[in-house]
């Protein structure tokens, strides 16, 4: 299930998703970057390490990929594709 509306507020540093069930979800840019699902970031977390993420990082580009979103961050990271189910269950 994909969201009906995807918004990105750089001033609030949040990604907004409006789901078909009526739920509106606001996701923090910094936490999205920290929880990136790409293989490199997952491997980091599996070793008990947390990626260092600047508190000013922002999502600068949002690209739909059919099954989720590719988020491009202001720190240059763009490898992660966030599946819809991952985003729907995302907790800050």
PDB file of N, CA and C in Angstrom:
ATOM      1  N   UNK A   1       0.846  -1.169   0.000  1.00  0.00           N
ATOM      2  CA  UNK A   1       0.000   0.000   0.000  1.00  0.00           C
ATOM      3  C   UNK A   1       0.895   1.238   0.000  1.00  0.00           C
ATOM      4  N   UNK A   2       0.738   2.096  -0.952  1.00  0.00           N
ATOM      5  CA  UNK A   2       1.525   3.319  -1.042  1.00  0.00           C
ATOM      6  C   UNK A   2       0.706   4.513  -0.561  1.00  0.00           C
ATOM      7  N   UNK A   3       1.383   5.580  -0.111  1.00  0.00           N
ATOM      8  CA  UNK A   3       0.667   6.759   0.357  1.00  0.00           C
ATOM      9  C   UNK A   3      -0.024   7.479  -0.799  1.00  0.00           C
ATOM     10  N   UNK A   4      -1.080   8.200  -0.473  1.00  0.00           N
ATOM     11  CA  UNK A   4      -1.790   9.000  -1.465  1.00  0.00           C
ATOM     12  C   UNK A   4      -1.049  10.300  -1.735  1.00  0.00           C
ATOM     13  N   UNK A   5      -0.424  10.848  -0.689  1.00  0.00           N
ATOM     14  CA  UNK A   5       0.299  12.118  -0.795  1.00  0.00           C
ATOM     15  C   UNK A   5       1.644  11.971  -0.096  1.00  0.00           C
ATOM     16  N   UNK A   6       2.677  12.499  -0.742  1.00  0.00           N
ATOM     17  CA  UNK A   6       4.024  12.531  -0.162  1.00  0.00           C
ATOM     18  C   UNK A   6       4.461  13.984  -0.174  1.00  0.00           C
ATOM     19  N   UNK A   7       4.817  14.486   0.989  1.00  0.00           N
ATOM     20  CA  UNK A   7       5.291  15.865   1.086  1.00  0.00           C
ATOM     21  C   UNK A   7       6.619  15.900   1.812  1.00  0.00           C
ATOM     22  N   UNK A   8       7.403  16.911   1.524  1.00  0.00           N
ATOM     23  CA  UNK A   8       8.699  17.055   2.178  1.00  0.00           C
ATOM     24  C   UNK A   8       8.857  18.487   2.649  1.00  0.00           C
ATOM     25  N   UNK A   9       8.992  18.672   3.941  1.00  0.00           N
ATOM     26  CA  UNK A   9       9.192  19.997   4.518  1.00  0.00           C
ATOM     27  C   UNK A   9      10.633  20.119   4.979  1.00  0.00           C
ATOM     28  N   UNK A  10      11.418  20.863   4.225  1.00  0.00           N
ATOM     29  CA  UNK A  10      12.809  21.070   4.623  1.00  0.00           C
ATOM     30  C   UNK A  10      12.889  21.996   5.822  1.00  0.00           C
ATOM     31  N   UNK A  11      11.949  22.930   5.958  1.00  0.00           N
ATOM     32  CA  UNK A  11      11.977  23.841   7.109  1.00  0.00           C
ATOM     33  C   UNK A  11      11.683  23.095   8.410  1.00  0.00           C
ATOM     34  N   UNK A  12      10.795  22.111   8.366  1.00  0.00           N
ATOM     35  CA  UNK A  12      10.478  21.302   9.555  1.00  0.00           C
ATOM     36  C   UNK A  12      11.372  20.077   9.661  1.00  0.00           C
ATOM     37  N   UNK A  13      12.135  19.800   8.604  1.00  0.00           N
ATOM     38  CA  UNK A  13      12.967  18.591   8.504  1.00  0.00           C
ATOM     39  C   UNK A  13      12.127  17.336   8.696  1.00  0.00           C
ATOM     40  N   UNK A  14      10.992  17.286   8.001  1.00  0.00           N
ATOM     41  CA  UNK A  14      10.110  16.133   8.094  1.00  0.00           C
ATOM     42  C   UNK A  14       9.540  15.761   6.739  1.00  0.00           C
ATOM     43  N   UNK A  15       9.342  14.460   6.576  1.00  0.00           N
ATOM     44  CA  UNK A  15       8.669  13.895   5.410  1.00  0.00           C
ATOM     45  C   UNK A  15       7.238  13.583   5.833  1.00  0.00           C
ATOM     46  N   UNK A  16       6.256  13.981   5.025  1.00  0.00           N
ATOM     47  CA  UNK A  16       4.847  13.745   5.358  1.00  0.00           C
ATOM     48  C   UNK A  16       4.270  12.724   4.400  1.00  0.00           C
ATOM     49  N   UNK A  17       3.608  11.713   4.964  1.00  0.00           N
ATOM     50  CA  UNK A  17       2.940  10.685   4.171  1.00  0.00           C
ATOM     51  C   UNK A  17       1.480  10.636   4.583  1.00  0.00           C
ATOM     52  N   UNK A  18       0.580  10.699   3.616  1.00  0.00           N
ATOM     53  CA  UNK A  18      -0.853  10.528   3.863  1.00  0.00           C
ATOM     54  C   UNK A  18      -1.253   9.187   3.263  1.00  0.00           C
ATOM     55  N   UNK A  19      -1.679   8.266   4.144  1.00  0.00           N
ATOM     56  CA  UNK A  19      -2.003   6.907   3.751  1.00  0.00           C
ATOM     57  C   UNK A  19      -3.471   6.760   3.397  1.00  0.00           C
ATOM     58  N   UNK A  20      -3.834   5.756   2.582  1.00  0.00           N
ATOM     59  CA  UNK A  20      -5.229   5.542   2.166  1.00  0.00           C
ATOM     60  C   UNK A  20      -6.203   5.341   3.334  1.00  0.00           C
ATOM     61  N   UNK A  21      -5.703   4.876   4.495  1.00  0.00           N
ATOM     62  CA  UNK A  21      -6.587   4.669   5.646  1.00  0.00           C
ATOM     63  C   UNK A  21      -6.877   5.973   6.402  1.00  0.00           C
ATOM     64  N   UNK A  22      -6.377   7.099   5.888  1.00  0.00           N
ATOM     65  CA  UNK A  22      -6.620   8.394   6.512  1.00  0.00           C
ATOM     66  C   UNK A  22      -5.538   8.842   7.473  1.00  0.00           C
ATOM     67  N   UNK A  23      -4.577   7.986   7.729  1.00  0.00           N
ATOM     68  CA  UNK A  23      -3.501   8.322   8.665  1.00  0.00           C
ATOM     69  C   UNK A  23      -2.501   9.262   8.006  1.00  0.00           C
ATOM     70  N   UNK A  24      -2.113  10.298   8.747  1.00  0.00           N
ATOM     71  CA  UNK A  24      -1.053  11.201   8.308  1.00  0.00           C
ATOM     72  C   UNK A  24       0.165  10.928   9.175  1.00  0.00           C
ATOM     73  N   UNK A  25       1.299  10.767   8.552  1.00  0.00           N
ATOM     74  CA  UNK A  25       2.520  10.400   9.250  1.00  0.00           C
ATOM     75  C   UNK A  25       3.602  11.434   8.939  1.00  0.00           C
ATOM     76  N   UNK A  26       4.282  11.912   9.977  1.00  0.00           N
ATOM     77  CA  UNK A  26       5.397  12.835   9.833  1.00  0.00           C
ATOM     78  C   UNK A  26       6.660  12.110  10.268  1.00  0.00           C
ATOM     79  N   UNK A  27       7.649  12.049   9.395  1.00  0.00           N
ATOM     80  CA  UNK A  27       8.885  11.320   9.663  1.00  0.00           C
ATOM     81  C   UNK A  27      10.067  12.284   9.666  1.00  0.00           C
ATOM     82  N   UNK A  28      10.854  12.231  10.720  1.00  0.00           N
ATOM     83  CA  UNK A  28      11.987  13.118  10.912  1.00  0.00           C
ATOM     84  C   UNK A  28      13.134  12.774   9.947  1.00  0.00           C
ATOM     85  N   UNK A  29      13.651  13.787   9.250  1.00  0.00           N
ATOM     86  CA  UNK A  29      14.736  13.573   8.294  1.00  0.00           C
ATOM     87  C   UNK A  29      15.953  12.917   8.942  1.00  0.00           C
ATOM     88  N   UNK A  30      16.363  13.414  10.102  1.00  0.00           N
ATOM     89  CA  UNK A  30      17.560  12.888  10.764  1.00  0.00           C
ATOM     90  C   UNK A  30      17.374  11.417  11.118  1.00  0.00           C
ATOM     91  N   UNK A  31      16.204  11.077  11.658  1.00  0.00           N
ATOM     92  CA  UNK A  31      15.972   9.686  12.049  1.00  0.00           C
ATOM     93  C   UNK A  31      15.852   8.778  10.818  1.00  0.00           C
ATOM     94  N   UNK A  32      15.255   9.277   9.748  1.00  0.00           N
ATOM     95  CA  UNK A  32      15.213   8.501   8.506  1.00  0.00           C
ATOM     96  C   UNK A  32      16.627   8.199   8.025  1.00  0.00           C
ATOM     97  N   UNK A  33      17.503   9.189   8.106  1.00  0.00           N
ATOM     98  CA  UNK A  33      18.896   8.980   7.686  1.00  0.00           C
ATOM     99  C   UNK A  33      19.590   7.967   8.598  1.00  0.00           C
ATOM    100  N   UNK A  34      19.352   8.068   9.908  1.00  0.00           N
ATOM    101  CA  UNK A  34      19.965   7.126  10.854  1.00  0.00           C
ATOM    102  C   UNK A  34      19.486   5.697  10.630  1.00  0.00           C
ATOM    103  N   UNK A  35      18.252   5.538  10.195  1.00  0.00           N
ATOM    104  CA  UNK A  35      17.660   4.209  10.018  1.00  0.00           C
ATOM    105  C   UNK A  35      17.626   3.780   8.549  1.00  0.00           C
ATOM    106  N   UNK A  36      18.510   4.334   7.744  1.00  0.00           N
ATOM    107  CA  UNK A  36      18.552   3.995   6.321  1.00  0.00           C
ATOM    108  C   UNK A  36      18.628   2.476   6.137  1.00  0.00           C
ATOM    109  N   UNK A  37      17.788   1.931   5.239  1.00  0.00           N
ATOM    110  CA  UNK A  37      17.778   0.477   5.034  1.00  0.00           C
ATOM    111  C   UNK A  37      18.798  -0.045   4.025  1.00  0.00           C
ATOM    112  N   UNK A  38      19.712   0.798   3.537  1.00  0.00           N
ATOM    113  CA  UNK A  38      20.686   0.292   2.562  1.00  0.00           C
ATOM    114  C   UNK A  38      21.612  -0.722   3.234  1.00  0.00           C
ATOM    115  N   UNK A  39      22.258  -1.543   2.445  1.00  0.00           N
ATOM    116  CA  UNK A  39      23.092  -2.622   2.989  1.00  0.00           C
ATOM    117  C   UNK A  39      24.244  -2.090   3.827  1.00  0.00           C
ATOM    118  N   UNK A  40      24.839  -0.996   3.432  1.00  0.00           N
ATOM    119  CA  UNK A  40      25.953  -0.427   4.170  1.00  0.00           C
ATOM    120  C   UNK A  40      25.510   0.048   5.564  1.00  0.00           C
ATOM    121  N   UNK A  41      24.397   0.763   5.637  1.00  0.00           N
ATOM    122  CA  UNK A  41      23.903   1.259   6.925  1.00  0.00           C
ATOM    123  C   UNK A  41      23.406   0.112   7.806  1.00  0.00           C
ATOM    124  N   UNK A  42      22.750  -0.876   7.198  1.00  0.00           N
ATOM    125  CA  UNK A  42      22.297  -2.050   7.972  1.00  0.00           C
ATOM    126  C   UNK A  42      23.491  -2.786   8.566  1.00  0.00           C
ATOM    127  N   UNK A  43      24.548  -2.964   7.796  1.00  0.00           N
ATOM    128  CA  UNK A  43      25.749  -3.651   8.280  1.00  0.00           C
ATOM    129  C   UNK A  43      26.363  -2.888   9.457  1.00  0.00           C
ATOM    130  N   UNK A  44      26.368  -1.586   9.364  1.00  0.00           N
ATOM    131  CA  UNK A  44      26.851  -0.740  10.452  1.00  0.00           C
ATOM    132  C   UNK A  44      26.076  -1.031  11.730  1.00  0.00           C
ATOM    133  N   UNK A  45      24.745  -1.013  11.627  1.00  0.00           N
ATOM    134  CA  UNK A  45      23.892  -1.239  12.798  1.00  0.00           C
ATOM    135  C   UNK A  45      24.036  -2.670  13.330  1.00  0.00           C
ATOM    136  N   UNK A  46      24.211  -3.635  12.447  1.00  0.00           N
ATOM    137  CA  UNK A  46      24.359  -5.030  12.878  1.00  0.00           C
ATOM    138  C   UNK A  46      25.646  -5.228  13.683  1.00  0.00           C
ATOM    139  N   UNK A  47      26.634  -4.383  13.444  1.00  0.00           N
ATOM    140  CA  UNK A  47      27.880  -4.441  14.208  1.00  0.00           C
ATOM    141  C   UNK A  47      27.778  -3.614  15.496  1.00  0.00           C
ATOM    142  N   UNK A  48      26.575  -3.115  15.792  1.00  0.00           N
ATOM    143  CA  UNK A  48      26.358  -2.346  17.015  1.00  0.00           C
ATOM    144  C   UNK A  48      26.790  -0.906  16.930  1.00  0.00           C
ATOM    145  N   UNK A  49      27.032  -0.436  15.727  1.00  0.00           N
ATOM    146  CA  UNK A  49      27.462   0.953  15.543  1.00  0.00           C
ATOM    147  C   UNK A  49      26.312   1.745  14.941  1.00  0.00           C
ATOM    148  N   UNK A  50      26.284   3.009  15.241  1.00  0.00           N
ATOM    149  CA  UNK A  50      25.260   3.886  14.676  1.00  0.00           C
ATOM    150  C   UNK A  50      25.931   4.852  13.711  1.00  0.00           C
ATOM    151  N   UNK A  51      25.371   5.017  12.513  1.00  0.00           N
ATOM    152  CA  UNK A  51      25.942   5.996  11.585  1.00  0.00           C
ATOM    153  C   UNK A  51      25.904   7.392  12.213  1.00  0.00           C
ATOM    154  N   UNK A  52      26.984   8.125  12.086  1.00  0.00           N
ATOM    155  CA  UNK A  52      27.008   9.504  12.575  1.00  0.00           C
ATOM    156  C   UNK A  52      26.248  10.371  11.588  1.00  0.00           C
ATOM    157  N   UNK A  53      25.214  11.031  12.097  1.00  0.00           N
ATOM    158  CA  UNK A  53      24.355  11.845  11.246  1.00  0.00           C
ATOM    159  C   UNK A  53      24.255  13.236  11.852  1.00  0.00           C
ATOM    160  N   UNK A  54      24.576  14.232  11.061  1.00  0.00           N
ATOM    161  CA  UNK A  54      24.466  15.620  11.500  1.00  0.00           C
ATOM    162  C   UNK A  54      22.997  15.954  11.750  1.00  0.00           C
ATOM    163  N   UNK A  55      22.715  16.643  12.849  1.00  0.00           N
ATOM    164  CA  UNK A  55      21.337  17.002  13.199  1.00  0.00           C
ATOM    165  C   UNK A  55      20.702  17.970  12.209  1.00  0.00           C
ATOM    166  N   UNK A  56      21.493  18.500  11.287  1.00  0.00           N
ATOM    167  CA  UNK A  56      20.960  19.427  10.280  1.00  0.00           C
ATOM    168  C   UNK A  56      20.666  18.749   8.943  1.00  0.00           C
ATOM    169  N   UNK A  57      20.890  17.433   8.867  1.00  0.00           N
ATOM    170  CA  UNK A  57      20.686  16.735   7.601  1.00  0.00           C
ATOM    171  C   UNK A  57      19.220  16.846   7.169  1.00  0.00           C
ATOM    172  N   UNK A  58      19.019  16.980   5.869  1.00  0.00           N
ATOM    173  CA  UNK A  58      17.674  17.114   5.314  1.00  0.00           C
ATOM    174  C   UNK A  58      17.506  16.201   4.115  1.00  0.00           C
ATOM    175  N   UNK A  59      16.262  15.830   3.856  1.00  0.00           N
ATOM    176  CA  UNK A  59      15.926  15.141   2.615  1.00  0.00           C
ATOM    177  C   UNK A  59      15.826  16.228   1.547  1.00  0.00           C
ATOM    178  N   UNK A  60      16.650  16.116   0.509  1.00  0.00           N
ATOM    179  CA  UNK A  60      16.660  17.136  -0.544  1.00  0.00           C
ATOM    180  C   UNK A  60      15.973  16.664  -1.822  1.00  0.00           C
ATOM    181  N   UNK A  61      15.736  15.352  -1.911  1.00  0.00           N
ATOM    182  CA  UNK A  61      15.075  14.801  -3.100  1.00  0.00           C
ATOM    183  C   UNK A  61      14.338  13.527  -2.708  1.00  0.00           C
ATOM    184  N   UNK A  62      13.150  13.362  -3.255  1.00  0.00           N
ATOM    185  CA  UNK A  62      12.319  12.177  -3.000  1.00  0.00           C
ATOM    186  C   UNK A  62      11.991  11.559  -4.353  1.00  0.00           C
ATOM    187  N   UNK A  63      12.384  10.309  -4.548  1.00  0.00           N
ATOM    188  CA  UNK A  63      12.160   9.616  -5.817  1.00  0.00           C
ATOM    189  C   UNK A  63      11.347   8.348  -5.588  1.00  0.00           C
ATOM    190  N   UNK A  64      10.152   8.295  -6.156  1.00  0.00           N
ATOM    191  CA  UNK A  64       9.323   7.087  -6.053  1.00  0.00           C
ATOM    192  C   UNK A  64       9.984   5.964  -6.842  1.00  0.00           C
ATOM    193  N   UNK A  65      10.002   4.768  -6.238  1.00  0.00           N
ATOM    194  CA  UNK A  65      10.627   3.605  -6.869  1.00  0.00           C
ATOM    195  C   UNK A  65       9.644   2.445  -7.024  1.00  0.00           C
ATOM    196  N   UNK A  66       8.369   2.720  -7.072  1.00  0.00           N
ATOM    197  CA  UNK A  66       7.373   1.669  -7.217  1.00  0.00           C
ATOM    198  C   UNK A  66       7.005   1.030  -5.899  1.00  0.00           C
ATOM    199  N   UNK A  67       7.959   0.387  -5.249  1.00  0.00           N
ATOM    200  CA  UNK A  67       7.694  -0.299  -3.987  1.00  0.00           C
ATOM    201  C   UNK A  67       8.095   0.534  -2.770  1.00  0.00           C
ATOM    202  N   UNK A  68       8.577   1.758  -3.002  1.00  0.00           N
ATOM    203  CA  UNK A  68       9.008   2.618  -1.904  1.00  0.00           C
ATOM    204  C   UNK A  68       9.609   3.907  -2.411  1.00  0.00           C
ATOM    205  N   UNK A  69      10.379   4.550  -1.551  1.00  0.00           N
ATOM    206  CA  UNK A  69      10.998   5.834  -1.879  1.00  0.00           C
ATOM    207  C   UNK A  69      12.509   5.762  -1.761  1.00  0.00           C
ATOM    208  N   UNK A  70      13.175   6.356  -2.742  1.00  0.00           N
ATOM    209  CA  UNK A  70      14.596   6.618  -2.605  1.00  0.00           C
ATOM    210  C   UNK A  70      14.691   8.040  -2.065  1.00  0.00           C
ATOM    211  N   UNK A  71      15.365   8.180  -0.919  1.00  0.00           N
ATOM    212  CA  UNK A  71      15.554   9.492  -0.322  1.00  0.00           C
ATOM    213  C   UNK A  71      16.992   9.927  -0.541  1.00  0.00           C
ATOM    214  N   UNK A  72      17.160  11.154  -1.004  1.00  0.00           N
ATOM    215  CA  UNK A  72      18.483  11.735  -1.189  1.00  0.00           C
ATOM    216  C   UNK A  72      18.654  12.773  -0.076  1.00  0.00           C
ATOM    217  N   UNK A  73      19.736  12.630   0.687  1.00  0.00           N
ATOM    218  CA  UNK A  73      19.973  13.491   1.836  1.00  0.00           C
ATOM    219  C   UNK A  73      21.017  14.558   1.533  1.00  0.00           C
ATOM    220  N   UNK A  74      20.965  15.632   2.296  1.00  0.00           N
ATOM    221  CA  UNK A  74      21.878  16.753   2.099  1.00  0.00           C
ATOM    222  C   UNK A  74      23.337  16.387   2.369  1.00  0.00           C
ATOM    223  N   UNK A  75      23.594  15.263   3.051  1.00  0.00           N
ATOM    224  CA  UNK A  75      24.970  14.814   3.273  1.00  0.00           C
ATOM    225  C   UNK A  75      25.485  13.961   2.111  1.00  0.00           C
ATOM    226  N   UNK A  76      24.675  13.830   1.050  1.00  0.00           N
ATOM    227  CA  UNK A  76      25.080  13.086  -0.135  1.00  0.00           C
ATOM    228  C   UNK A  76      24.643  11.634  -0.143  1.00  0.00           C
ATOM    229  N   UNK A  77      24.137  11.128   0.972  1.00  0.00           N
ATOM    230  CA  UNK A  77      23.713   9.722   1.022  1.00  0.00           C
ATOM    231  C   UNK A  77      22.429   9.540   0.211  1.00  0.00           C
ATOM    232  N   UNK A  78      22.443   8.528  -0.675  1.00  0.00           N
ATOM    233  CA  UNK A  78      21.280   8.301  -1.542  1.00  0.00           C
ATOM    234  C   UNK A  78      21.074   6.832  -1.873  1.00  0.00           C
ATOM    235  N   UNK A  79      21.690   5.952  -1.111  1.00  0.00           N
ATOM    236  CA  UNK A  79      21.673   4.528  -1.448  1.00  0.00           C
ATOM    237  C   UNK A  79      20.431   3.788  -0.990  1.00  0.00           C
ATOM    238  N   UNK A  80      19.768   4.281   0.035  1.00  0.00           N
ATOM    239  CA  UNK A  80      18.651   3.545   0.611  1.00  0.00           C
ATOM    240  C   UNK A  80      17.350   3.735  -0.125  1.00  0.00           C
ATOM    241  N   UNK A  81      16.642   2.639  -0.335  1.00  0.00           N
ATOM    242  CA  UNK A  81      15.263   2.703  -0.819  1.00  0.00           C
ATOM    243  C   UNK A  81      14.399   2.217   0.335  1.00  0.00           C
ATOM    244  N   UNK A  82      13.493   3.067   0.748  1.00  0.00           N
ATOM    245  CA  UNK A  82      12.640   2.828   1.902  1.00  0.00           C
ATOM    246  C   UNK A  82      11.324   2.221   1.419  1.00  0.00           C
ATOM    247  N   UNK A  83      11.113   0.917   1.604  1.00  0.00           N
ATOM    248  CA  UNK A  83       9.860   0.285   1.155  1.00  0.00           C
ATOM    249  C   UNK A  83       8.654   0.888   1.888  1.00  0.00           C
ATOM    250  N   UNK A  84       7.498   0.846   1.225  1.00  0.00           N
ATOM    251  CA  UNK A  84       6.276   1.409   1.821  1.00  0.00           C
ATOM    252  C   UNK A  84       5.998   0.817   3.193  1.00  0.00           C
ATOM    253  N   UNK A  85       6.130  -0.491   3.344  1.00  0.00           N
ATOM    254  CA  UNK A  85       5.848  -1.138   4.638  1.00  0.00           C
ATOM    255  C   UNK A  85       6.815  -0.644   5.710  1.00  0.00           C
ATOM    256  N   UNK A  86       8.073  -0.432   5.333  1.00  0.00           N
ATOM    257  CA  UNK A  86       9.072   0.077   6.271  1.00  0.00           C
ATOM    258  C   UNK A  86       8.676   1.477   6.741  1.00  0.00           C
ATOM    259  N   UNK A  87       8.279   2.330   5.807  1.00  0.00           N
ATOM    260  CA  UNK A  87       7.854   3.679   6.159  1.00  0.00           C
ATOM    261  C   UNK A  87       6.571   3.684   6.997  1.00  0.00           C
ATOM    262  N   UNK A  88       5.622   2.823   6.633  1.00  0.00           N
ATOM    263  CA  UNK A  88       4.345   2.780   7.364  1.00  0.00           C
ATOM    264  C   UNK A  88       4.554   2.398   8.825  1.00  0.00           C
ATOM    265  N   UNK A  89       5.539   1.574   9.096  1.00  0.00           N
ATOM    266  CA  UNK A  89       5.799   1.139  10.466  1.00  0.00           C
ATOM    267  C   UNK A  89       6.906   1.899  11.153  1.00  0.00           C
ATOM    268  N   UNK A  90       7.419   2.952  10.503  1.00  0.00           N
ATOM    269  CA  UNK A  90       8.566   3.689  11.010  1.00  0.00           C
ATOM    270  C   UNK A  90       8.238   4.390  12.316  1.00  0.00           C
ATOM    271  N   UNK A  91       9.135   4.248  13.277  1.00  0.00           N
ATOM    272  CA  UNK A  91       8.982   4.907  14.578  1.00  0.00           C
ATOM    273  C   UNK A  91      10.232   5.740  14.847  1.00  0.00           C
ATOM    274  N   UNK A  92      10.025   6.986  15.208  1.00  0.00           N
ATOM    275  CA  UNK A  92      11.161   7.865  15.554  1.00  0.00           C
ATOM    276  C   UNK A  92      11.781   7.437  16.860  1.00  0.00           C
TER     277      UNK A  92
END
